């Protein structure tokens, strides 16, 4: 273990929202291996600043630098359980 590098392979930033600069995300992604996580919860989507609304998601998906971004979806709480149970497509 002493000879192994303590440098992570990549890092994850969780909570992309309407205040997050997509251009800034792209710039960091050019320099580092970053995963950008978006929080999803039907109860909180658009009502809580950390859960982006539809307009923010559209901006993210249509941004010219979107291909530079390594994205992840974090399905929160009961939402993840419902999807795993097949209750939501």
PDB file of N, CA and C in Angstrom:
ATOM      1  N   UNK A   1       0.814  -1.184   0.000  1.00  0.00           N
ATOM      2  CA  UNK A   1       0.000   0.000   0.000  1.00  0.00           C
ATOM      3  C   UNK A   1       0.864   1.255   0.000  1.00  0.00           C
ATOM      4  N   UNK A   2       2.031   1.199   0.594  1.00  0.00           N
ATOM      5  CA  UNK A   2       2.881   2.380   0.693  1.00  0.00           C
ATOM      6  C   UNK A   2       3.359   2.857  -0.673  1.00  0.00           C
ATOM      7  N   UNK A   3       3.462   1.958  -1.641  1.00  0.00           N
ATOM      8  CA  UNK A   3       3.944   2.335  -2.964  1.00  0.00           C
ATOM      9  C   UNK A   3       2.843   2.803  -3.903  1.00  0.00           C
ATOM     10  N   UNK A   4       1.587   2.644  -3.515  1.00  0.00           N
ATOM     11  CA  UNK A   4       0.480   3.041  -4.383  1.00  0.00           C
ATOM     12  C   UNK A   4       0.262   4.542  -4.315  1.00  0.00           C
ATOM     13  N   UNK A   5      -0.078   5.112  -5.445  1.00  0.00           N
ATOM     14  CA  UNK A   5      -0.355   6.545  -5.523  1.00  0.00           C
ATOM     15  C   UNK A   5      -1.649   6.873  -4.792  1.00  0.00           C
ATOM     16  N   UNK A   6      -1.659   7.999  -4.119  1.00  0.00           N
ATOM     17  CA  UNK A   6      -2.860   8.459  -3.437  1.00  0.00           C
ATOM     18  C   UNK A   6      -3.634   9.443  -4.309  1.00  0.00           C
ATOM     19  N   UNK A   7      -3.271   9.552  -5.572  1.00  0.00           N
ATOM     20  CA  UNK A   7      -3.959  10.439  -6.493  1.00  0.00           C
ATOM     21  C   UNK A   7      -5.191   9.721  -7.045  1.00  0.00           C
ATOM     22  N   UNK A   8      -6.360  10.353  -6.930  1.00  0.00           N
ATOM     23  CA  UNK A   8      -7.571   9.689  -7.444  1.00  0.00           C
ATOM     24  C   UNK A   8      -7.574   9.629  -8.972  1.00  0.00           C
ATOM     25  N   UNK A   9      -8.265   8.614  -9.503  1.00  0.00           N
ATOM     26  CA  UNK A   9      -8.422   8.498 -10.951  1.00  0.00           C
ATOM     27  C   UNK A   9      -9.271   9.635 -11.493  1.00  0.00           C
ATOM     28  N   UNK A  10     -10.309   9.992 -10.756  1.00  0.00           N
ATOM     29  CA  UNK A  10     -11.173  11.113 -11.119  1.00  0.00           C
ATOM     30  C   UNK A  10     -11.889  11.599  -9.865  1.00  0.00           C
ATOM     31  N   UNK A  11     -12.530  12.745  -9.981  1.00  0.00           N
ATOM     32  CA  UNK A  11     -13.328  13.260  -8.876  1.00  0.00           C
ATOM     33  C   UNK A  11     -14.741  13.529  -9.380  1.00  0.00           C
ATOM     34  N   UNK A  12     -15.684  13.539  -8.453  1.00  0.00           N
ATOM     35  CA  UNK A  12     -17.078  13.806  -8.797  1.00  0.00           C
ATOM     36  C   UNK A  12     -17.545  15.054  -8.063  1.00  0.00           C
ATOM     37  N   UNK A  13     -18.145  15.953  -8.819  1.00  0.00           N
ATOM     38  CA  UNK A  13     -18.822  17.104  -8.240  1.00  0.00           C
ATOM     39  C   UNK A  13     -20.316  16.830  -8.355  1.00  0.00           C
ATOM     40  N   UNK A  14     -20.998  16.823  -7.229  1.00  0.00           N
ATOM     41  CA  UNK A  14     -22.421  16.509  -7.195  1.00  0.00           C
ATOM     42  C   UNK A  14     -23.224  17.758  -6.881  1.00  0.00           C
ATOM     43  N   UNK A  15     -24.330  17.932  -7.608  1.00  0.00           N
ATOM     44  CA  UNK A  15     -25.226  19.045  -7.343  1.00  0.00           C
ATOM     45  C   UNK A  15     -25.189  20.119  -8.410  1.00  0.00           C
ATOM     46  N   UNK A  16     -24.987  19.730  -9.673  1.00  0.00           N
ATOM     47  CA  UNK A  16     -25.059  20.688 -10.769  1.00  0.00           C
ATOM     48  C   UNK A  16     -26.450  21.319 -10.738  1.00  0.00           C
ATOM     49  N   UNK A  17     -26.508  22.659 -10.741  1.00  0.00           N
ATOM     50  CA  UNK A  17     -27.807  23.337 -10.680  1.00  0.00           C
ATOM     51  C   UNK A  17     -27.809  24.591 -11.538  1.00  0.00           C
ATOM     52  N   UNK A  18     -28.841  25.424 -11.393  1.00  0.00           N
ATOM     53  CA  UNK A  18     -29.002  26.600 -12.241  1.00  0.00           C
ATOM     54  C   UNK A  18     -27.896  27.638 -12.045  1.00  0.00           C
ATOM     55  N   UNK A  19     -27.152  27.563 -10.955  1.00  0.00           N
ATOM     56  CA  UNK A  19     -26.066  28.506 -10.710  1.00  0.00           C
ATOM     57  C   UNK A  19     -24.713  28.000 -11.194  1.00  0.00           C
ATOM     58  N   UNK A  20     -24.661  26.763 -11.618  1.00  0.00           N
ATOM     59  CA  UNK A  20     -23.407  26.166 -12.060  1.00  0.00           C
ATOM     60  C   UNK A  20     -23.065  26.647 -13.466  1.00  0.00           C
ATOM     61  N   UNK A  21     -21.850  27.095 -13.641  1.00  0.00           N
ATOM     62  CA  UNK A  21     -21.385  27.547 -14.953  1.00  0.00           C
ATOM     63  C   UNK A  21     -21.027  26.335 -15.816  1.00  0.00           C
ATOM     64  N   UNK A  22     -21.775  26.147 -16.878  1.00  0.00           N
ATOM     65  CA  UNK A  22     -21.492  25.022 -17.778  1.00  0.00           C
ATOM     66  C   UNK A  22     -20.142  25.239 -18.460  1.00  0.00           C
ATOM     67  N   UNK A  23     -19.833  26.475 -18.808  1.00  0.00           N
ATOM     68  CA  UNK A  23     -18.534  26.802 -19.392  1.00  0.00           C
ATOM     69  C   UNK A  23     -17.415  26.458 -18.401  1.00  0.00           C
ATOM     70  N   UNK A  24     -17.626  26.777 -17.124  1.00  0.00           N
ATOM     71  CA  UNK A  24     -16.652  26.437 -16.087  1.00  0.00           C
ATOM     72  C   UNK A  24     -16.488  24.935 -15.926  1.00  0.00           C
ATOM     73  N   UNK A  25     -17.598  24.215 -16.039  1.00  0.00           N
ATOM     74  CA  UNK A  25     -17.535  22.761 -15.981  1.00  0.00           C
ATOM     75  C   UNK A  25     -16.659  22.234 -17.117  1.00  0.00           C
ATOM     76  N   UNK A  26     -16.873  22.762 -18.317  1.00  0.00           N
ATOM     77  CA  UNK A  26     -16.112  22.320 -19.490  1.00  0.00           C
ATOM     78  C   UNK A  26     -14.628  22.638 -19.333  1.00  0.00           C
ATOM     79  N   UNK A  27     -14.326  23.816 -18.787  1.00  0.00           N
ATOM     80  CA  UNK A  27     -12.923  24.196 -18.592  1.00  0.00           C
ATOM     81  C   UNK A  27     -12.222  23.262 -17.610  1.00  0.00           C
ATOM     82  N   UNK A  28     -12.876  22.954 -16.495  1.00  0.00           N
ATOM     83  CA  UNK A  28     -12.286  22.010 -15.537  1.00  0.00           C
ATOM     84  C   UNK A  28     -12.130  20.623 -16.154  1.00  0.00           C
ATOM     85  N   UNK A  29     -13.096  20.234 -16.974  1.00  0.00           N
ATOM     86  CA  UNK A  29     -13.048  18.914 -17.612  1.00  0.00           C
ATOM     87  C   UNK A  29     -11.918  18.810 -18.628  1.00  0.00           C
ATOM     88  N   UNK A  30     -11.482  19.935 -19.169  1.00  0.00           N
ATOM     89  CA  UNK A  30     -10.327  19.912 -20.080  1.00  0.00           C
ATOM     90  C   UNK A  30      -9.045  19.615 -19.317  1.00  0.00           C
ATOM     91  N   UNK A  31      -8.980  20.036 -18.063  1.00  0.00           N
ATOM     92  CA  UNK A  31      -7.762  19.910 -17.258  1.00  0.00           C
ATOM     93  C   UNK A  31      -7.718  18.639 -16.412  1.00  0.00           C
ATOM     94  N   UNK A  32      -8.898  18.199 -15.962  1.00  0.00           N
ATOM     95  CA  UNK A  32      -8.972  17.073 -15.026  1.00  0.00           C
ATOM     96  C   UNK A  32     -10.068  16.107 -15.446  1.00  0.00           C
ATOM     97  N   UNK A  33      -9.934  14.868 -14.994  1.00  0.00           N
ATOM     98  CA  UNK A  33     -10.973  13.874 -15.237  1.00  0.00           C
ATOM     99  C   UNK A  33     -12.039  14.056 -14.160  1.00  0.00           C
ATOM    100  N   UNK A  34     -13.113  14.760 -14.529  1.00  0.00           N
ATOM    101  CA  UNK A  34     -14.180  15.104 -13.593  1.00  0.00           C
ATOM    102  C   UNK A  34     -15.480  14.463 -14.045  1.00  0.00           C
ATOM    103  N   UNK A  35     -16.237  13.965 -13.079  1.00  0.00           N
ATOM    104  CA  UNK A  35     -17.593  13.493 -13.318  1.00  0.00           C
ATOM    105  C   UNK A  35     -18.534  14.514 -12.674  1.00  0.00           C
ATOM    106  N   UNK A  36     -19.539  14.945 -13.433  1.00  0.00           N
ATOM    107  CA  UNK A  36     -20.508  15.937 -12.971  1.00  0.00           C
ATOM    108  C   UNK A  36     -21.820  15.227 -12.689  1.00  0.00           C
ATOM    109  N   UNK A  37     -22.272  15.298 -11.450  1.00  0.00           N
ATOM    110  CA  UNK A  37     -23.472  14.577 -11.045  1.00  0.00           C
ATOM    111  C   UNK A  37     -24.650  15.526 -10.862  1.00  0.00           C
ATOM    112  N   UNK A  38     -25.779  15.110 -11.428  1.00  0.00           N
ATOM    113  CA  UNK A  38     -27.031  15.852 -11.305  1.00  0.00           C
ATOM    114  C   UNK A  38     -27.944  15.059 -10.376  1.00  0.00           C
ATOM    115  N   UNK A  39     -28.522  15.742  -9.410  1.00  0.00           N
ATOM    116  CA  UNK A  39     -29.435  15.103  -8.464  1.00  0.00           C
ATOM    117  C   UNK A  39     -30.843  15.057  -9.048  1.00  0.00           C
ATOM    118  N   UNK A  40     -31.510  13.915  -8.899  1.00  0.00           N
ATOM    119  CA  UNK A  40     -32.879  13.742  -9.392  1.00  0.00           C
ATOM    120  C   UNK A  40     -33.791  13.253  -8.270  1.00  0.00           C
ATOM    121  N   UNK A  41     -34.903  13.953  -8.101  1.00  0.00           N
ATOM    122  CA  UNK A  41     -35.947  13.574  -7.152  1.00  0.00           C
ATOM    123  C   UNK A  41     -37.232  14.264  -7.595  1.00  0.00           C
ATOM    124  N   UNK A  42     -38.278  13.505  -7.930  1.00  0.00           N
ATOM    125  CA  UNK A  42     -39.520  14.138  -8.385  1.00  0.00           C
ATOM    126  C   UNK A  42     -40.075  15.165  -7.393  1.00  0.00           C
ATOM    127  N   UNK A  43     -39.902  14.912  -6.106  1.00  0.00           N
ATOM    128  CA  UNK A  43     -40.423  15.832  -5.087  1.00  0.00           C
ATOM    129  C   UNK A  43     -39.627  17.131  -5.019  1.00  0.00           C
ATOM    130  N   UNK A  44     -38.339  17.061  -5.302  1.00  0.00           N
ATOM    131  CA  UNK A  44     -37.465  18.227  -5.127  1.00  0.00           C
ATOM    132  C   UNK A  44     -37.083  18.926  -6.427  1.00  0.00           C
ATOM    133  N   UNK A  45     -37.261  18.253  -7.575  1.00  0.00           N
ATOM    134  CA  UNK A  45     -36.821  18.806  -8.855  1.00  0.00           C
ATOM    135  C   UNK A  45     -37.421  20.189  -9.088  1.00  0.00           C
ATOM    136  N   UNK A  46     -36.561  21.184  -9.233  1.00  0.00           N
ATOM    137  CA  UNK A  46     -37.006  22.544  -9.494  1.00  0.00           C
ATOM    138  C   UNK A  46     -37.478  23.296  -8.264  1.00  0.00           C
ATOM    139  N   UNK A  47     -37.640  22.584  -7.138  1.00  0.00           N
ATOM    140  CA  UNK A  47     -38.087  23.210  -5.890  1.00  0.00           C
ATOM    141  C   UNK A  47     -36.950  23.423  -4.908  1.00  0.00           C
ATOM    142  N   UNK A  48     -35.891  22.717  -5.096  1.00  0.00           N
ATOM    143  CA  UNK A  48     -34.710  22.781  -4.235  1.00  0.00           C
ATOM    144  C   UNK A  48     -33.546  23.189  -5.130  1.00  0.00           C
ATOM    145  N   UNK A  49     -32.753  24.178  -4.731  1.00  0.00           N
ATOM    146  CA  UNK A  49     -31.671  24.662  -5.595  1.00  0.00           C
ATOM    147  C   UNK A  49     -30.695  23.593  -6.082  1.00  0.00           C
ATOM    148  N   UNK A  50     -30.527  22.520  -5.333  1.00  0.00           N
ATOM    149  CA  UNK A  50     -29.574  21.482  -5.756  1.00  0.00           C
ATOM    150  C   UNK A  50     -30.156  20.505  -6.766  1.00  0.00           C
ATOM    151  N   UNK A  51     -31.463  20.592  -7.021  1.00  0.00           N
ATOM    152  CA  UNK A  51     -32.138  19.702  -7.962  1.00  0.00           C
ATOM    153  C   UNK A  51     -32.600  20.559  -9.140  1.00  0.00           C
ATOM    154  N   UNK A  52     -31.875  20.524 -10.261  1.00  0.00           N
ATOM    155  CA  UNK A  52     -32.153  21.458 -11.355  1.00  0.00           C
ATOM    156  C   UNK A  52     -33.536  21.289 -11.975  1.00  0.00           C
ATOM    157  N   UNK A  53     -34.092  22.412 -12.404  1.00  0.00           N
ATOM    158  CA  UNK A  53     -35.379  22.399 -13.094  1.00  0.00           C
ATOM    159  C   UNK A  53     -35.174  22.025 -14.560  1.00  0.00           C
ATOM    160  N   UNK A  54     -36.270  21.890 -15.282  1.00  0.00           N
ATOM    161  CA  UNK A  54     -36.223  21.473 -16.681  1.00  0.00           C
ATOM    162  C   UNK A  54     -35.411  22.443 -17.545  1.00  0.00           C
ATOM    163  N   UNK A  55     -35.561  23.745 -17.313  1.00  0.00           N
ATOM    164  CA  UNK A  55     -34.823  24.739 -18.105  1.00  0.00           C
ATOM    165  C   UNK A  55     -33.311  24.575 -17.931  1.00  0.00           C
ATOM    166  N   UNK A  56     -32.880  24.297 -16.715  1.00  0.00           N
ATOM    167  CA  UNK A  56     -31.449  24.086 -16.462  1.00  0.00           C
ATOM    168  C   UNK A  56     -30.964  22.821 -17.152  1.00  0.00           C
ATOM    169  N   UNK A  57     -31.771  21.761 -17.097  1.00  0.00           N
ATOM    170  CA  UNK A  57     -31.383  20.519 -17.769  1.00  0.00           C
ATOM    171  C   UNK A  57     -31.281  20.719 -19.274  1.00  0.00           C
ATOM    172  N   UNK A  58     -32.194  21.478 -19.851  1.00  0.00           N
ATOM    173  CA  UNK A  58     -32.141  21.745 -21.287  1.00  0.00           C
ATOM    174  C   UNK A  58     -30.885  22.523 -21.649  1.00  0.00           C
ATOM    175  N   UNK A  59     -30.539  23.533 -20.844  1.00  0.00           N
ATOM    176  CA  UNK A  59     -29.309  24.301 -21.097  1.00  0.00           C
ATOM    177  C   UNK A  59     -28.091  23.388 -21.078  1.00  0.00           C
ATOM    178  N   UNK A  60     -28.062  22.484 -20.116  1.00  0.00           N
ATOM    179  CA  UNK A  60     -26.946  21.555 -19.988  1.00  0.00           C
ATOM    180  C   UNK A  60     -26.864  20.616 -21.188  1.00  0.00           C
ATOM    181  N   UNK A  61     -28.000  20.070 -21.586  1.00  0.00           N
ATOM    182  CA  UNK A  61     -28.027  19.103 -22.692  1.00  0.00           C
ATOM    183  C   UNK A  61     -27.775  19.735 -24.052  1.00  0.00           C
ATOM    184  N   UNK A  62     -28.075  21.021 -24.187  1.00  0.00           N
ATOM    185  CA  UNK A  62     -27.915  21.705 -25.480  1.00  0.00           C
ATOM    186  C   UNK A  62     -26.645  22.548 -25.565  1.00  0.00           C
ATOM    187  N   UNK A  63     -25.900  22.641 -24.480  1.00  0.00           N
ATOM    188  CA  UNK A  63     -24.692  23.472 -24.467  1.00  0.00           C
ATOM    189  C   UNK A  63     -23.657  22.917 -25.450  1.00  0.00           C
ATOM    190  N   UNK A  64     -22.977  23.794 -26.197  1.00  0.00           N
ATOM    191  CA  UNK A  64     -22.001  23.318 -27.188  1.00  0.00           C
ATOM    192  C   UNK A  64     -20.851  22.497 -26.590  1.00  0.00           C
ATOM    193  N   UNK A  65     -20.537  22.673 -25.326  1.00  0.00           N
ATOM    194  CA  UNK A  65     -19.446  21.920 -24.700  1.00  0.00           C
ATOM    195  C   UNK A  65     -19.909  20.654 -23.984  1.00  0.00           C
ATOM    196  N   UNK A  66     -21.179  20.263 -24.167  1.00  0.00           N
ATOM    197  CA  UNK A  66     -21.716  19.110 -23.438  1.00  0.00           C
ATOM    198  C   UNK A  66     -20.920  17.833 -23.706  1.00  0.00           C
ATOM    199  N   UNK A  67     -20.337  17.713 -24.900  1.00  0.00           N
ATOM    200  CA  UNK A  67     -19.575  16.501 -25.232  1.00  0.00           C
ATOM    201  C   UNK A  67     -18.299  16.385 -24.396  1.00  0.00           C
ATOM    202  N   UNK A  68     -17.867  17.458 -23.774  1.00  0.00           N
ATOM    203  CA  UNK A  68     -16.668  17.433 -22.925  1.00  0.00           C
ATOM    204  C   UNK A  68     -16.985  16.955 -21.501  1.00  0.00           C
ATOM    205  N   UNK A  69     -18.258  16.855 -21.189  1.00  0.00           N
ATOM    206  CA  UNK A  69     -18.663  16.604 -19.811  1.00  0.00           C
ATOM    207  C   UNK A  69     -18.990  15.132 -19.566  1.00  0.00           C
ATOM    208  N   UNK A  70     -18.389  14.590 -18.556  1.00  0.00           N
ATOM    209  CA  UNK A  70     -18.689  13.237 -18.103  1.00  0.00           C
ATOM    210  C   UNK A  70     -19.787  13.388 -17.048  1.00  0.00           C
ATOM    211  N   UNK A  71     -20.982  12.903 -17.359  1.00  0.00           N
ATOM    212  CA  UNK A  71     -22.146  13.157 -16.521  1.00  0.00           C
ATOM    213  C   UNK A  71     -22.589  11.899 -15.767  1.00  0.00           C
ATOM    214  N   UNK A  72     -23.218  12.139 -14.611  1.00  0.00           N
ATOM    215  CA  UNK A  72     -23.805  11.057 -13.816  1.00  0.00           C
ATOM    216  C   UNK A  72     -25.138  11.542 -13.272  1.00  0.00           C
ATOM    217  N   UNK A  73     -26.069  10.623 -13.140  1.00  0.00           N
ATOM    218  CA  UNK A  73     -27.366  10.920 -12.533  1.00  0.00           C
ATOM    219  C   UNK A  73     -27.399  10.280 -11.156  1.00  0.00           C
ATOM    220  N   UNK A  74     -27.713  11.077 -10.152  1.00  0.00           N
ATOM    221  CA  UNK A  74     -27.892  10.558  -8.804  1.00  0.00           C
ATOM    222  C   UNK A  74     -29.380  10.533  -8.509  1.00  0.00           C
ATOM    223  N   UNK A  75     -29.932   9.332  -8.453  1.00  0.00           N
ATOM    224  CA  UNK A  75     -31.359   9.147  -8.191  1.00  0.00           C
ATOM    225  C   UNK A  75     -31.542   9.059  -6.682  1.00  0.00           C
ATOM    226  N   UNK A  76     -32.238  10.029  -6.131  1.00  0.00           N
ATOM    227  CA  UNK A  76     -32.281  10.188  -4.679  1.00  0.00           C
ATOM    228  C   UNK A  76     -33.512   9.545  -4.041  1.00  0.00           C
ATOM    229  N   UNK A  77     -33.289   8.981  -2.856  1.00  0.00           N
ATOM    230  CA  UNK A  77     -34.364   8.484  -2.014  1.00  0.00           C
ATOM    231  C   UNK A  77     -35.252   7.437  -2.657  1.00  0.00           C
ATOM    232  N   UNK A  78     -36.560   7.606  -2.453  1.00  0.00           N
ATOM    233  CA  UNK A  78     -37.544   6.650  -2.950  1.00  0.00           C
ATOM    234  C   UNK A  78     -37.529   6.549  -4.472  1.00  0.00           C
ATOM    235  N   UNK A  79     -37.091   7.609  -5.147  1.00  0.00           N
ATOM    236  CA  UNK A  79     -37.038   7.604  -6.612  1.00  0.00           C
ATOM    237  C   UNK A  79     -36.165   6.458  -7.114  1.00  0.00           C
ATOM    238  N   UNK A  80     -35.017   6.263  -6.501  1.00  0.00           N
ATOM    239  CA  UNK A  80     -34.135   5.168  -6.927  1.00  0.00           C
ATOM    240  C   UNK A  80     -34.783   3.815  -6.664  1.00  0.00           C
ATOM    241  N   UNK A  81     -35.469   3.689  -5.536  1.00  0.00           N
ATOM    242  CA  UNK A  81     -36.140   2.420  -5.211  1.00  0.00           C
ATOM    243  C   UNK A  81     -37.263   2.114  -6.194  1.00  0.00           C
ATOM    244  N   UNK A  82     -38.015   3.145  -6.596  1.00  0.00           N
ATOM    245  CA  UNK A  82     -39.099   2.966  -7.555  1.00  0.00           C
ATOM    246  C   UNK A  82     -38.560   2.531  -8.918  1.00  0.00           C
ATOM    247  N   UNK A  83     -37.454   3.113  -9.334  1.00  0.00           N
ATOM    248  CA  UNK A  83     -36.859   2.741 -10.621  1.00  0.00           C
ATOM    249  C   UNK A  83     -36.345   1.304 -10.557  1.00  0.00           C
ATOM    250  N   UNK A  84     -35.668   0.943  -9.490  1.00  0.00           N
ATOM    251  CA  UNK A  84     -35.146  -0.422  -9.367  1.00  0.00           C
ATOM    252  C   UNK A  84     -36.272  -1.441  -9.291  1.00  0.00           C
ATOM    253  N   UNK A  85     -37.418  -1.053  -8.742  1.00  0.00           N
ATOM    254  CA  UNK A  85     -38.554  -1.957  -8.647  1.00  0.00           C
ATOM    255  C   UNK A  85     -39.342  -2.028  -9.959  1.00  0.00           C
ATOM    256  N   UNK A  86     -38.965  -1.202 -10.938  1.00  0.00           N
ATOM    257  CA  UNK A  86     -39.654  -1.211 -12.224  1.00  0.00           C
ATOM    258  C   UNK A  86     -40.927  -0.383 -12.248  1.00  0.00           C
ATOM    259  N   UNK A  87     -41.165   0.420 -11.219  1.00  0.00           N
ATOM    260  CA  UNK A  87     -42.389   1.229 -11.148  1.00  0.00           C
ATOM    261  C   UNK A  87     -42.328   2.459 -12.053  1.00  0.00           C
ATOM    262  N   UNK A  88     -41.107   2.852 -12.440  1.00  0.00           N
ATOM    263  CA  UNK A  88     -40.895   4.022 -13.317  1.00  0.00           C
ATOM    264  C   UNK A  88     -40.031   3.584 -14.477  1.00  0.00           C
ATOM    265  N   UNK A  89     -40.423   3.981 -15.672  1.00  0.00           N
ATOM    266  CA  UNK A  89     -39.632   3.639 -16.867  1.00  0.00           C
ATOM    267  C   UNK A  89     -38.613   4.707 -17.138  1.00  0.00           C
TER     268      UNK A  89
END
